[in-house]
């Protein structure tokens, strides 16, 4: 990247997910964006942009929210109620969780007894996620109806209006769930019109390789990786296995191959005290027992059903296994 040119961070999903639990790719996006924004020597040039029928700059209030989110701040930015409402009610979208409602929910959860609080938090996140997923489903349905008409598609492409001045070029970095919202034709036009360099991530190709384990995502993710081959200047994978799978995918599909590289995820090893009482934490009920622990989101591609079948078969055959413990947020 040329350090004299601006760097645009696509913060679309980062901002949309600000109220939800940062799991999986969302957590990874926050970590990578925080590094680019605050820790790298490019941070002073990095600015947020958000997709809204074209890219627009993040407002000062949105920038404050994103910065505090990435810095791990637990408090909300000090903005007026009017400004907060304006941010949370975007044109053409349903009303999201308003600040007052959010504060009320957090206070209610704080009053729940300790042993029931995880269940209350899970219920709250589930309701919020249901709302977001319902909105996404509706957006995809509208997009499919629009794309059914070629004339309508041309008109929509012509109506794109970027409120960011890309005329000087620069680098656009997208680190999140791009298959959920990226307009691939618009990205191609950005590159052709302004010479913008576009950098994309590759997390995994599981929905493409095993579509039967990813109901509803296979087509989206397949198109995501196929389309970016025509406009991405670079694609960074999170592992060598992902990069190898991506190279194979492009070879099988006979697609152009952008510059591919791997940036492995960091690993952290921390020393922890063995005495739970000294840490001020509750002892888990399996302390002192043998158990197998799996930690992930609960969805079909994480293979919880397979684990359950293995444990059930072993039990029926008289094979003693440790307890199976499934932990999820």
C-alpha atoms as a PDB file:
ATOM      1  CA  UNK A   1       0.000   0.000   0.000  1.00  0.00           C
ATOM      2  CA  UNK A   2       1.152   3.552  -0.744  1.00  0.00           C
ATOM      3  CA  UNK A   3       1.320   5.290   2.644  1.00  0.00           C
ATOM      4  CA  UNK A   4       0.570   8.669   1.072  1.00  0.00           C
ATOM      5  CA  UNK A   5      -2.820   7.546  -0.217  1.00  0.00           C
ATOM      6  CA  UNK A   6      -5.915   7.171   1.968  1.00  0.00           C
ATOM      7  CA  UNK A   7      -7.028   3.807   3.309  1.00  0.00           C
ATOM      8  CA  UNK A   8     -10.769   3.211   3.475  1.00  0.00           C
ATOM      9  CA  UNK A   9     -11.997   0.625   5.983  1.00  0.00           C
ATOM     10  CA  UNK A  10     -15.324  -0.883   4.969  1.00  0.00           C
ATOM     11  CA  UNK A  11     -17.087  -0.745   8.357  1.00  0.00           C
ATOM     12  CA  UNK A  12     -20.540  -1.742   7.114  1.00  0.00           C
ATOM     13  CA  UNK A  13     -20.925  -5.035   8.981  1.00  0.00           C
ATOM     14  CA  UNK A  14     -18.748  -3.802  11.821  1.00  0.00           C
ATOM     15  CA  UNK A  15     -21.307  -1.079  12.511  1.00  0.00           C
ATOM     16  CA  UNK A  16     -24.366  -3.264  11.902  1.00  0.00           C
ATOM     17  CA  UNK A  17     -23.107  -5.845  14.422  1.00  0.00           C
ATOM     18  CA  UNK A  18     -22.206  -3.314  17.112  1.00  0.00           C
ATOM     19  CA  UNK A  19     -25.053  -4.486  19.432  1.00  0.00           C
ATOM     20  CA  UNK A  20     -24.511  -8.214  18.896  1.00  0.00           C
ATOM     21  CA  UNK A  21     -22.108 -10.731  20.388  1.00  0.00           C
ATOM     22  CA  UNK A  22     -18.819 -10.709  18.428  1.00  0.00           C
ATOM     23  CA  UNK A  23     -18.528 -14.367  17.445  1.00  0.00           C
ATOM     24  CA  UNK A  24     -16.481 -16.021  14.715  1.00  0.00           C
ATOM     25  CA  UNK A  25     -15.736 -13.757  11.758  1.00  0.00           C
ATOM     26  CA  UNK A  26     -17.241 -10.737  13.531  1.00  0.00           C
ATOM     27  CA  UNK A  27     -14.684 -11.020  16.330  1.00  0.00           C
ATOM     28  CA  UNK A  28     -11.889 -11.497  13.795  1.00  0.00           C
ATOM     29  CA  UNK A  29     -13.017  -8.426  11.838  1.00  0.00           C
ATOM     30  CA  UNK A  30     -12.880  -6.321  14.998  1.00  0.00           C
ATOM     31  CA  UNK A  31      -9.380  -7.526  15.829  1.00  0.00           C
ATOM     32  CA  UNK A  32      -7.985  -6.888  12.342  1.00  0.00           C
ATOM     33  CA  UNK A  33      -9.700  -3.513  11.989  1.00  0.00           C
ATOM     34  CA  UNK A  34      -8.435  -2.405  15.405  1.00  0.00           C
ATOM     35  CA  UNK A  35      -4.894  -3.233  14.320  1.00  0.00           C
ATOM     36  CA  UNK A  36      -5.259  -1.297  11.080  1.00  0.00           C
ATOM     37  CA  UNK A  37      -6.943   1.663  12.779  1.00  0.00           C
ATOM     38  CA  UNK A  38      -4.788   2.031  15.903  1.00  0.00           C
ATOM     39  CA  UNK A  39      -1.670  -0.120  15.917  1.00  0.00           C
ATOM     40  CA  UNK A  40      -0.205  -0.257  12.424  1.00  0.00           C
ATOM     41  CA  UNK A  41       1.907   2.525  10.928  1.00  0.00           C
ATOM     42  CA  UNK A  42      -0.952   3.096   8.465  1.00  0.00           C
ATOM     43  CA  UNK A  43      -3.499   3.954  11.148  1.00  0.00           C
ATOM     44  CA  UNK A  44      -3.344   7.695  10.622  1.00  0.00           C
ATOM     45  CA  UNK A  45      -4.530   7.282   7.032  1.00  0.00           C
ATOM     46  CA  UNK A  46      -7.323   4.767   7.741  1.00  0.00           C
ATOM     47  CA  UNK A  47     -10.898   6.070   7.735  1.00  0.00           C
ATOM     48  CA  UNK A  48     -14.255   4.319   8.003  1.00  0.00           C
ATOM     49  CA  UNK A  49     -16.716   4.111   5.101  1.00  0.00           C
ATOM     50  CA  UNK A  50     -20.172   2.510   5.186  1.00  0.00           C
ATOM     51  CA  UNK A  51     -22.151   1.026   2.282  1.00  0.00           C
ATOM     52  CA  UNK A  52     -25.528   2.678   1.660  1.00  0.00           C
ATOM     53  CA  UNK A  53     -26.322   2.373  -2.085  1.00  0.00           C
ATOM     54  CA  UNK A  54     -22.785   3.609  -2.526  1.00  0.00           C
ATOM     55  CA  UNK A  55     -20.090   4.296   0.040  1.00  0.00           C
ATOM     56  CA  UNK A  56     -20.450   7.212   2.429  1.00  0.00           C
ATOM     57  CA  UNK A  57     -18.083   8.452   5.142  1.00  0.00           C
ATOM     58  CA  UNK A  58     -18.888   7.446   8.705  1.00  0.00           C
ATOM     59  CA  UNK A  59     -20.290  10.389  10.670  1.00  0.00           C
ATOM     60  CA  UNK A  60     -18.427  11.696  13.729  1.00  0.00           C
ATOM     61  CA  UNK A  61     -20.862   9.870  16.013  1.00  0.00           C
ATOM     62  CA  UNK A  62     -20.510   6.616  14.062  1.00  0.00           C
ATOM     63  CA  UNK A  63     -16.730   6.981  14.126  1.00  0.00           C
ATOM     64  CA  UNK A  64     -16.810   7.439  17.903  1.00  0.00           C
ATOM     65  CA  UNK A  65     -19.001   4.360  18.315  1.00  0.00           C
ATOM     66  CA  UNK A  66     -16.714   2.263  16.121  1.00  0.00           C
ATOM     67  CA  UNK A  67     -13.523   3.459  17.815  1.00  0.00           C
ATOM     68  CA  UNK A  68     -14.885   2.716  21.272  1.00  0.00           C
ATOM     69  CA  UNK A  69     -16.145  -0.658  20.067  1.00  0.00           C
ATOM     70  CA  UNK A  70     -12.701  -1.572  18.758  1.00  0.00           C
ATOM     71  CA  UNK A  71     -10.916  -0.261  21.833  1.00  0.00           C
ATOM     72  CA  UNK A  72     -13.058  -2.469  24.044  1.00  0.00           C
ATOM     73  CA  UNK A  73     -14.938   0.378  25.715  1.00  0.00           C
ATOM     74  CA  UNK A  74     -17.970  -0.848  27.629  1.00  0.00           C
ATOM     75  CA  UNK A  75     -19.640   2.535  27.907  1.00  0.00           C
ATOM     76  CA  UNK A  76     -21.617   4.103  25.081  1.00  0.00           C
ATOM     77  CA  UNK A  77     -20.238   7.234  23.373  1.00  0.00           C
ATOM     78  CA  UNK A  78     -21.510  10.486  24.806  1.00  0.00           C
ATOM     79  CA  UNK A  79     -23.864  11.604  22.065  1.00  0.00           C
ATOM     80  CA  UNK A  80     -27.268  13.191  22.328  1.00  0.00           C
ATOM     81  CA  UNK A  81     -30.430  11.087  22.272  1.00  0.00           C
ATOM     82  CA  UNK A  82     -31.402  12.774  19.007  1.00  0.00           C
ATOM     83  CA  UNK A  83     -28.040  11.912  17.430  1.00  0.00           C
ATOM     84  CA  UNK A  84     -28.285   8.319  18.683  1.00  0.00           C
ATOM     85  CA  UNK A  85     -31.772   7.898  17.272  1.00  0.00           C
ATOM     86  CA  UNK A  86     -30.660   9.354  13.960  1.00  0.00           C
ATOM     87  CA  UNK A  87     -27.816   6.835  13.797  1.00  0.00           C
ATOM     88  CA  UNK A  88     -29.919   3.853  14.719  1.00  0.00           C
ATOM     89  CA  UNK A  89     -32.789   4.603  12.337  1.00  0.00           C
ATOM     90  CA  UNK A  90     -31.288   4.491   8.862  1.00  0.00           C
ATOM     91  CA  UNK A  91     -33.218   5.342   5.670  1.00  0.00           C
ATOM     92  CA  UNK A  92     -34.991   2.341   4.180  1.00  0.00           C
ATOM     93  CA  UNK A  93     -34.357   0.145   7.206  1.00  0.00           C
ATOM     94  CA  UNK A  94     -36.537  -0.925  10.096  1.00  0.00           C
ATOM     95  CA  UNK A  95     -36.009   0.719  13.497  1.00  0.00           C
ATOM     96  CA  UNK A  96     -33.159  -0.953  15.375  1.00  0.00           C
ATOM     97  CA  UNK A  97     -32.625  -1.266  19.106  1.00  0.00           C
ATOM     98  CA  UNK A  98     -32.838   2.301  20.454  1.00  0.00           C
ATOM     99  CA  UNK A  99     -30.407   3.433  23.169  1.00  0.00           C
ATOM    100  CA  UNK A 100     -33.101   3.767  25.849  1.00  0.00           C
ATOM    101  CA  UNK A 101     -34.402   0.264  25.133  1.00  0.00           C
ATOM    102  CA  UNK A 102     -30.899  -1.110  25.167  1.00  0.00           C
ATOM    103  CA  UNK A 103     -30.109   0.474  28.536  1.00  0.00           C
ATOM    104  CA  UNK A 104     -33.371  -0.869  29.961  1.00  0.00           C
ATOM    105  CA  UNK A 105     -32.514  -4.364  28.764  1.00  0.00           C
ATOM    106  CA  UNK A 106     -29.022  -4.213  30.266  1.00  0.00           C
ATOM    107  CA  UNK A 107     -30.411  -3.029  33.608  1.00  0.00           C
ATOM    108  CA  UNK A 108     -32.972  -5.846  33.572  1.00  0.00           C
ATOM    109  CA  UNK A 109     -30.292  -8.461  32.888  1.00  0.00           C
ATOM    110  CA  UNK A 110     -28.148  -7.030  35.705  1.00  0.00           C
ATOM    111  CA  UNK A 111     -30.977  -7.789  38.177  1.00  0.00           C
ATOM    112  CA  UNK A 112     -31.215 -11.450  37.155  1.00  0.00           C
ATOM    113  CA  UNK A 113     -29.644 -13.862  39.708  1.00  0.00           C
ATOM    114  CA  UNK A 114     -26.110 -14.954  38.822  1.00  0.00           C
ATOM    115  CA  UNK A 115     -27.036 -18.552  38.067  1.00  0.00           C
ATOM    116  CA  UNK A 116     -29.722 -17.432  35.574  1.00  0.00           C
ATOM    117  CA  UNK A 117     -27.860 -14.520  33.998  1.00  0.00           C
ATOM    118  CA  UNK A 118     -26.201 -16.537  31.188  1.00  0.00           C
ATOM    119  CA  UNK A 119     -29.654 -17.752  30.115  1.00  0.00           C
ATOM    120  CA  UNK A 120     -31.045 -14.198  30.170  1.00  0.00           C
ATOM    121  CA  UNK A 121     -28.102 -12.895  28.125  1.00  0.00           C
ATOM    122  CA  UNK A 122     -28.487 -15.724  25.616  1.00  0.00           C
ATOM    123  CA  UNK A 123     -32.200 -14.984  25.257  1.00  0.00           C
ATOM    124  CA  UNK A 124     -31.481 -11.287  24.653  1.00  0.00           C
ATOM    125  CA  UNK A 125     -28.825 -12.029  22.033  1.00  0.00           C
ATOM    126  CA  UNK A 126     -31.105 -14.558  20.344  1.00  0.00           C
ATOM    127  CA  UNK A 127     -33.889 -12.013  19.981  1.00  0.00           C
ATOM    128  CA  UNK A 128     -31.488  -9.400  18.607  1.00  0.00           C
ATOM    129  CA  UNK A 129     -29.991 -11.910  16.178  1.00  0.00           C
ATOM    130  CA  UNK A 130     -33.470 -12.979  15.054  1.00  0.00           C
ATOM    131  CA  UNK A 131     -34.260  -9.360  14.213  1.00  0.00           C
ATOM    132  CA  UNK A 132     -31.045  -8.897  12.245  1.00  0.00           C
ATOM    133  CA  UNK A 133     -31.435 -12.176  10.356  1.00  0.00           C
ATOM    134  CA  UNK A 134     -35.051 -11.345   9.498  1.00  0.00           C
ATOM    135  CA  UNK A 135     -33.902  -8.017   8.062  1.00  0.00           C
ATOM    136  CA  UNK A 136     -31.187  -9.731   6.023  1.00  0.00           C
ATOM    137  CA  UNK A 137     -33.652 -12.258   4.635  1.00  0.00           C
ATOM    138  CA  UNK A 138     -35.996  -9.454   3.579  1.00  0.00           C
ATOM    139  CA  UNK A 139     -33.117  -7.544   1.964  1.00  0.00           C
ATOM    140  CA  UNK A 140     -32.038 -10.594  -0.009  1.00  0.00           C
ATOM    141  CA  UNK A 141     -35.600 -11.222  -1.169  1.00  0.00           C
ATOM    142  CA  UNK A 142     -35.882  -7.611  -2.395  1.00  0.00           C
ATOM    143  CA  UNK A 143     -32.522  -7.920  -4.162  1.00  0.00           C
ATOM    144  CA  UNK A 144     -33.612 -11.110  -5.929  1.00  0.00           C
ATOM    145  CA  UNK A 145     -36.795  -9.417  -7.143  1.00  0.00           C
ATOM    146  CA  UNK A 146     -34.836  -6.426  -8.431  1.00  0.00           C
ATOM    147  CA  UNK A 147     -32.257  -8.563 -10.229  1.00  0.00           C
ATOM    148  CA  UNK A 148     -35.023 -10.495 -11.991  1.00  0.00           C
ATOM    149  CA  UNK A 149     -35.497  -7.509 -14.316  1.00  0.00           C
ATOM    150  CA  UNK A 150     -32.432  -6.565 -16.444  1.00  0.00           C
ATOM    151  CA  UNK A 151     -33.830  -3.062 -17.026  1.00  0.00           C
ATOM    152  CA  UNK A 152     -34.290  -2.529 -13.320  1.00  0.00           C
ATOM    153  CA  UNK A 153     -30.774  -3.779 -12.702  1.00  0.00           C
ATOM    154  CA  UNK A 154     -29.286  -1.215 -15.088  1.00  0.00           C
ATOM    155  CA  UNK A 155     -31.266   1.573 -13.419  1.00  0.00           C
ATOM    156  CA  UNK A 156     -30.130   0.502  -9.963  1.00  0.00           C
ATOM    157  CA  UNK A 157     -26.483   0.400 -11.025  1.00  0.00           C
ATOM    158  CA  UNK A 158     -26.826   3.868 -12.505  1.00  0.00           C
ATOM    159  CA  UNK A 159     -28.353   5.143  -9.252  1.00  0.00           C
ATOM    160  CA  UNK A 160     -25.275   4.277  -7.179  1.00  0.00           C
ATOM    161  CA  UNK A 161     -23.868   7.397  -5.605  1.00  0.00           C
ATOM    162  CA  UNK A 162     -20.644   7.405  -3.613  1.00  0.00           C
ATOM    163  CA  UNK A 163     -20.400  10.212  -1.061  1.00  0.00           C
ATOM    164  CA  UNK A 164     -16.721   9.518  -0.588  1.00  0.00           C
ATOM    165  CA  UNK A 165     -14.220  11.260  -2.873  1.00  0.00           C
ATOM    166  CA  UNK A 166     -12.364   8.330  -4.399  1.00  0.00           C
ATOM    167  CA  UNK A 167     -10.901  10.432  -7.218  1.00  0.00           C
ATOM    168  CA  UNK A 168      -7.440  10.411  -5.639  1.00  0.00           C
ATOM    169  CA  UNK A 169      -7.313   6.618  -5.562  1.00  0.00           C
ATOM    170  CA  UNK A 170      -6.225   4.750  -2.469  1.00  0.00           C
ATOM    171  CA  UNK A 171      -6.940   1.394  -0.874  1.00  0.00           C
ATOM    172  CA  UNK A 172     -10.295  -0.060   0.178  1.00  0.00           C
ATOM    173  CA  UNK A 173     -10.019  -2.798   2.806  1.00  0.00           C
ATOM    174  CA  UNK A 174     -13.030  -5.048   3.494  1.00  0.00           C
ATOM    175  CA  UNK A 175     -12.545  -7.409   6.437  1.00  0.00           C
ATOM    176  CA  UNK A 176     -16.042  -8.628   7.296  1.00  0.00           C
ATOM    177  CA  UNK A 177     -18.994 -10.647   6.050  1.00  0.00           C
ATOM    178  CA  UNK A 178     -18.832  -9.304   2.509  1.00  0.00           C
ATOM    179  CA  UNK A 179     -21.201 -11.885   1.051  1.00  0.00           C
ATOM    180  CA  UNK A 180     -23.991 -10.349   3.138  1.00  0.00           C
ATOM    181  CA  UNK A 181     -24.015  -6.933   1.435  1.00  0.00           C
ATOM    182  CA  UNK A 182     -21.222  -6.241  -1.085  1.00  0.00           C
ATOM    183  CA  UNK A 183     -22.406  -5.087  -4.514  1.00  0.00           C
ATOM    184  CA  UNK A 184     -19.840  -6.783  -6.749  1.00  0.00           C
ATOM    185  CA  UNK A 185     -20.649  -4.743  -9.841  1.00  0.00           C
ATOM    186  CA  UNK A 186     -20.185  -1.548  -7.836  1.00  0.00           C
ATOM    187  CA  UNK A 187     -16.809  -2.785  -6.564  1.00  0.00           C
ATOM    188  CA  UNK A 188     -15.714  -3.534 -10.131  1.00  0.00           C
ATOM    189  CA  UNK A 189     -16.763  -0.037 -11.214  1.00  0.00           C
ATOM    190  CA  UNK A 190     -14.867   1.509  -8.279  1.00  0.00           C
ATOM    191  CA  UNK A 191     -11.706  -0.154  -9.469  1.00  0.00           C
ATOM    192  CA  UNK A 192     -12.227   0.742 -13.135  1.00  0.00           C
ATOM    193  CA  UNK A 193     -13.347   4.339 -12.539  1.00  0.00           C
ATOM    194  CA  UNK A 194     -11.038   5.517  -9.755  1.00  0.00           C
ATOM    195  CA  UNK A 195      -8.173   3.040  -9.840  1.00  0.00           C
ATOM    196  CA  UNK A 196      -9.009   2.114  -6.260  1.00  0.00           C
ATOM    197  CA  UNK A 197      -7.054  -0.871  -4.968  1.00  0.00           C
ATOM    198  CA  UNK A 198      -9.359  -3.362  -3.273  1.00  0.00           C
ATOM    199  CA  UNK A 199      -8.221  -5.822  -0.621  1.00  0.00           C
ATOM    200  CA  UNK A 200     -10.476  -8.680   0.467  1.00  0.00           C
ATOM    201  CA  UNK A 201     -10.322 -11.440   3.103  1.00  0.00           C
ATOM    202  CA  UNK A 202     -10.725 -15.198   2.733  1.00  0.00           C
ATOM    203  CA  UNK A 203     -11.893 -16.962   5.892  1.00  0.00           C
ATOM    204  CA  UNK A 204     -12.763 -20.407   4.582  1.00  0.00           C
ATOM    205  CA  UNK A 205     -14.515 -22.097   1.679  1.00  0.00           C
ATOM    206  CA  UNK A 206     -16.523 -24.544   3.781  1.00  0.00           C
ATOM    207  CA  UNK A 207     -19.912 -23.441   2.344  1.00  0.00           C
ATOM    208  CA  UNK A 208     -18.514 -24.004  -1.169  1.00  0.00           C
ATOM    209  CA  UNK A 209     -16.723 -27.280  -0.455  1.00  0.00           C
ATOM    210  CA  UNK A 210     -19.497 -28.809   1.702  1.00  0.00           C
ATOM    211  CA  UNK A 211     -22.732 -27.020   0.718  1.00  0.00           C
ATOM    212  CA  UNK A 212     -24.821 -29.667   2.485  1.00  0.00           C
ATOM    213  CA  UNK A 213     -23.465 -28.375   5.812  1.00  0.00           C
ATOM    214  CA  UNK A 214     -24.266 -24.709   5.114  1.00  0.00           C
ATOM    215  CA  UNK A 215     -27.900 -24.404   4.136  1.00  0.00           C
ATOM    216  CA  UNK A 216     -28.650 -21.009   2.592  1.00  0.00           C
ATOM    217  CA  UNK A 217     -25.048 -19.773   2.398  1.00  0.00           C
ATOM    218  CA  UNK A 218     -23.449 -21.899  -0.297  1.00  0.00           C
ATOM    219  CA  UNK A 219     -24.565 -19.781  -3.267  1.00  0.00           C
ATOM    220  CA  UNK A 220     -23.761 -16.480  -1.529  1.00  0.00           C
ATOM    221  CA  UNK A 221     -20.241 -17.522  -0.551  1.00  0.00           C
ATOM    222  CA  UNK A 222     -19.552 -19.138  -3.947  1.00  0.00           C
ATOM    223  CA  UNK A 223     -20.514 -15.899  -5.698  1.00  0.00           C
ATOM    224  CA  UNK A 224     -18.509 -13.842  -3.186  1.00  0.00           C
ATOM    225  CA  UNK A 225     -15.217 -15.601  -3.971  1.00  0.00           C
ATOM    226  CA  UNK A 226     -15.947 -15.915  -7.692  1.00  0.00           C
ATOM    227  CA  UNK A 227     -16.857 -12.240  -8.177  1.00  0.00           C
ATOM    228  CA  UNK A 228     -13.938 -10.854  -6.174  1.00  0.00           C
ATOM    229  CA  UNK A 229     -11.572 -12.577  -8.612  1.00  0.00           C
ATOM    230  CA  UNK A 230     -12.506  -9.861 -11.129  1.00  0.00           C
ATOM    231  CA  UNK A 231     -11.852  -6.805  -8.953  1.00  0.00           C
ATOM    232  CA  UNK A 232      -9.735  -7.678  -5.892  1.00  0.00           C
ATOM    233  CA  UNK A 233      -6.095  -6.644  -6.060  1.00  0.00           C
ATOM    234  CA  UNK A 234      -5.259  -8.906  -3.151  1.00  0.00           C
ATOM    235  CA  UNK A 235      -6.989 -11.607  -1.115  1.00  0.00           C
ATOM    236  CA  UNK A 236      -5.553 -12.456   2.301  1.00  0.00           C
ATOM    237  CA  UNK A 237      -6.360 -15.862   3.783  1.00  0.00           C
ATOM    238  CA  UNK A 238      -6.402 -16.663   7.487  1.00  0.00           C
ATOM    239  CA  UNK A 239      -4.560 -19.959   6.970  1.00  0.00           C
ATOM    240  CA  UNK A 240      -2.458 -21.803   4.419  1.00  0.00           C
ATOM    241  CA  UNK A 241      -5.260 -24.343   4.046  1.00  0.00           C
ATOM    242  CA  UNK A 242      -7.701 -21.578   3.089  1.00  0.00           C
ATOM    243  CA  UNK A 243      -5.266 -20.141   0.553  1.00  0.00           C
ATOM    244  CA  UNK A 244      -4.737 -23.593  -0.983  1.00  0.00           C
ATOM    245  CA  UNK A 245      -8.510 -24.149  -1.171  1.00  0.00           C
ATOM    246  CA  UNK A 246      -8.962 -20.730  -2.793  1.00  0.00           C
ATOM    247  CA  UNK A 247      -6.295 -21.446  -5.423  1.00  0.00           C
ATOM    248  CA  UNK A 248      -7.984 -24.745  -6.215  1.00  0.00           C
ATOM    249  CA  UNK A 249     -11.369 -23.021  -6.428  1.00  0.00           C
ATOM    250  CA  UNK A 250     -10.091 -20.431  -8.922  1.00  0.00           C
ATOM    251  CA  UNK A 251      -8.408 -23.157 -10.988  1.00  0.00           C
ATOM    252  CA  UNK A 252     -11.573 -25.288 -11.123  1.00  0.00           C
ATOM    253  CA  UNK A 253     -13.743 -22.286 -12.002  1.00  0.00           C
ATOM    254  CA  UNK A 254     -11.188 -21.007 -14.572  1.00  0.00           C
ATOM    255  CA  UNK A 255     -11.171 -17.565 -12.934  1.00  0.00           C
ATOM    256  CA  UNK A 256      -8.432 -14.915 -12.779  1.00  0.00           C
ATOM    257  CA  UNK A 257      -6.307 -15.206  -9.655  1.00  0.00           C
ATOM    258  CA  UNK A 258      -5.688 -12.046  -7.599  1.00  0.00           C
ATOM    259  CA  UNK A 259      -2.564 -11.727  -5.488  1.00  0.00           C
ATOM    260  CA  UNK A 260      -3.050 -14.341  -2.748  1.00  0.00           C
ATOM    261  CA  UNK A 261      -1.297 -14.380   0.600  1.00  0.00           C
ATOM    262  CA  UNK A 262      -1.740 -15.852   4.065  1.00  0.00           C
ATOM    263  CA  UNK A 263      -1.849 -13.994   7.356  1.00  0.00           C
ATOM    264  CA  UNK A 264      -2.319 -16.702  10.008  1.00  0.00           C
ATOM    265  CA  UNK A 265      -4.487 -15.939  13.013  1.00  0.00           C
ATOM    266  CA  UNK A 266      -2.524 -15.187  16.187  1.00  0.00           C
ATOM    267  CA  UNK A 267      -2.584 -17.553  19.117  1.00  0.00           C
ATOM    268  CA  UNK A 268      -2.535 -16.450  22.732  1.00  0.00           C
ATOM    269  CA  UNK A 269      -1.327 -18.496  25.711  1.00  0.00           C
ATOM    270  CA  UNK A 270      -1.960 -16.972  29.115  1.00  0.00           C
ATOM    271  CA  UNK A 271      -1.109 -18.229  32.589  1.00  0.00           C
ATOM    272  CA  UNK A 272      -4.208 -18.730  34.726  1.00  0.00           C
ATOM    273  CA  UNK A 273      -4.493 -19.388  38.449  1.00  0.00           C
ATOM    274  CA  UNK A 274      -5.908 -22.780  39.376  1.00  0.00           C
ATOM    275  CA  UNK A 275      -7.916 -21.533  42.339  1.00  0.00           C
ATOM    276  CA  UNK A 276     -11.289 -20.371  41.017  1.00  0.00           C
ATOM    277  CA  UNK A 277     -12.081 -18.605  44.312  1.00  0.00           C
ATOM    278  CA  UNK A 278      -8.956 -16.408  43.968  1.00  0.00           C
ATOM    279  CA  UNK A 279     -10.162 -15.318  40.527  1.00  0.00           C
ATOM    280  CA  UNK A 280     -13.568 -14.367  41.904  1.00  0.00           C
ATOM    281  CA  UNK A 281     -15.254 -16.802  39.507  1.00  0.00           C
ATOM    282  CA  UNK A 282     -17.727 -19.600  40.080  1.00  0.00           C
ATOM    283  CA  UNK A 283     -16.473 -23.178  39.948  1.00  0.00           C
ATOM    284  CA  UNK A 284     -17.923 -25.066  37.001  1.00  0.00           C
ATOM    285  CA  UNK A 285     -19.871 -28.194  37.824  1.00  0.00           C
ATOM    286  CA  UNK A 286     -17.399 -30.505  36.061  1.00  0.00           C
ATOM    287  CA  UNK A 287     -14.423 -29.436  38.145  1.00  0.00           C
ATOM    288  CA  UNK A 288     -12.458 -32.497  39.193  1.00  0.00           C
ATOM    289  CA  UNK A 289     -14.048 -34.615  36.450  1.00  0.00           C
ATOM    290  CA  UNK A 290     -12.831 -35.587  33.011  1.00  0.00           C
ATOM    291  CA  UNK A 291     -14.701 -33.923  30.156  1.00  0.00           C
ATOM    292  CA  UNK A 292     -14.357 -33.043  26.470  1.00  0.00           C
ATOM    293  CA  UNK A 293     -14.922 -29.360  25.726  1.00  0.00           C
ATOM    294  CA  UNK A 294     -16.066 -27.839  22.429  1.00  0.00           C
ATOM    295  CA  UNK A 295     -16.475 -24.075  22.097  1.00  0.00           C
ATOM    296  CA  UNK A 296     -18.191 -22.555  19.057  1.00  0.00           C
ATOM    297  CA  UNK A 297     -21.409 -21.077  17.801  1.00  0.00           C
ATOM    298  CA  UNK A 298     -24.229 -23.617  17.675  1.00  0.00           C
ATOM    299  CA  UNK A 299     -24.981 -24.191  13.999  1.00  0.00           C
ATOM    300  CA  UNK A 300     -25.066 -27.184  11.691  1.00  0.00           C
ATOM    301  CA  UNK A 301     -21.593 -26.741  10.204  1.00  0.00           C
ATOM    302  CA  UNK A 302     -19.946 -26.962  13.639  1.00  0.00           C
ATOM    303  CA  UNK A 303     -20.785 -30.689  13.782  1.00  0.00           C
ATOM    304  CA  UNK A 304     -22.492 -30.794  17.184  1.00  0.00           C
ATOM    305  CA  UNK A 305     -24.908 -33.387  15.795  1.00  0.00           C
ATOM    306  CA  UNK A 306     -21.990 -35.606  14.806  1.00  0.00           C
ATOM    307  CA  UNK A 307     -20.532 -35.346  18.314  1.00  0.00           C
ATOM    308  CA  UNK A 308     -23.894 -36.211  19.852  1.00  0.00           C
ATOM    309  CA  UNK A 309     -24.203 -39.283  17.607  1.00  0.00           C
ATOM    310  CA  UNK A 310     -20.692 -40.452  18.527  1.00  0.00           C
ATOM    311  CA  UNK A 311     -21.432 -40.153  22.252  1.00  0.00           C
ATOM    312  CA  UNK A 312     -24.802 -41.901  21.826  1.00  0.00           C
ATOM    313  CA  UNK A 313     -23.286 -44.808  19.859  1.00  0.00           C
ATOM    314  CA  UNK A 314     -20.462 -45.245  22.359  1.00  0.00           C
ATOM    315  CA  UNK A 315     -22.949 -45.260  25.226  1.00  0.00           C
ATOM    316  CA  UNK A 316     -25.101 -47.897  23.496  1.00  0.00           C
ATOM    317  CA  UNK A 317     -22.008 -50.059  22.940  1.00  0.00           C
ATOM    318  CA  UNK A 318     -20.899 -49.739  26.546  1.00  0.00           C
ATOM    319  CA  UNK A 319     -17.897 -47.533  25.781  1.00  0.00           C
ATOM    320  CA  UNK A 320     -17.240 -45.055  28.572  1.00  0.00           C
ATOM    321  CA  UNK A 321     -16.405 -41.548  27.373  1.00  0.00           C
ATOM    322  CA  UNK A 322     -15.814 -38.373  29.391  1.00  0.00           C
ATOM    323  CA  UNK A 323     -18.651 -35.889  29.615  1.00  0.00           C
ATOM    324  CA  UNK A 324     -19.266 -33.854  26.470  1.00  0.00           C
ATOM    325  CA  UNK A 325     -19.455 -30.130  27.291  1.00  0.00           C
ATOM    326  CA  UNK A 326     -20.694 -27.732  24.627  1.00  0.00           C
ATOM    327  CA  UNK A 327     -20.089 -24.043  25.321  1.00  0.00           C
ATOM    328  CA  UNK A 328     -21.575 -21.283  23.188  1.00  0.00           C
ATOM    329  CA  UNK A 329     -22.379 -17.601  23.532  1.00  0.00           C
END
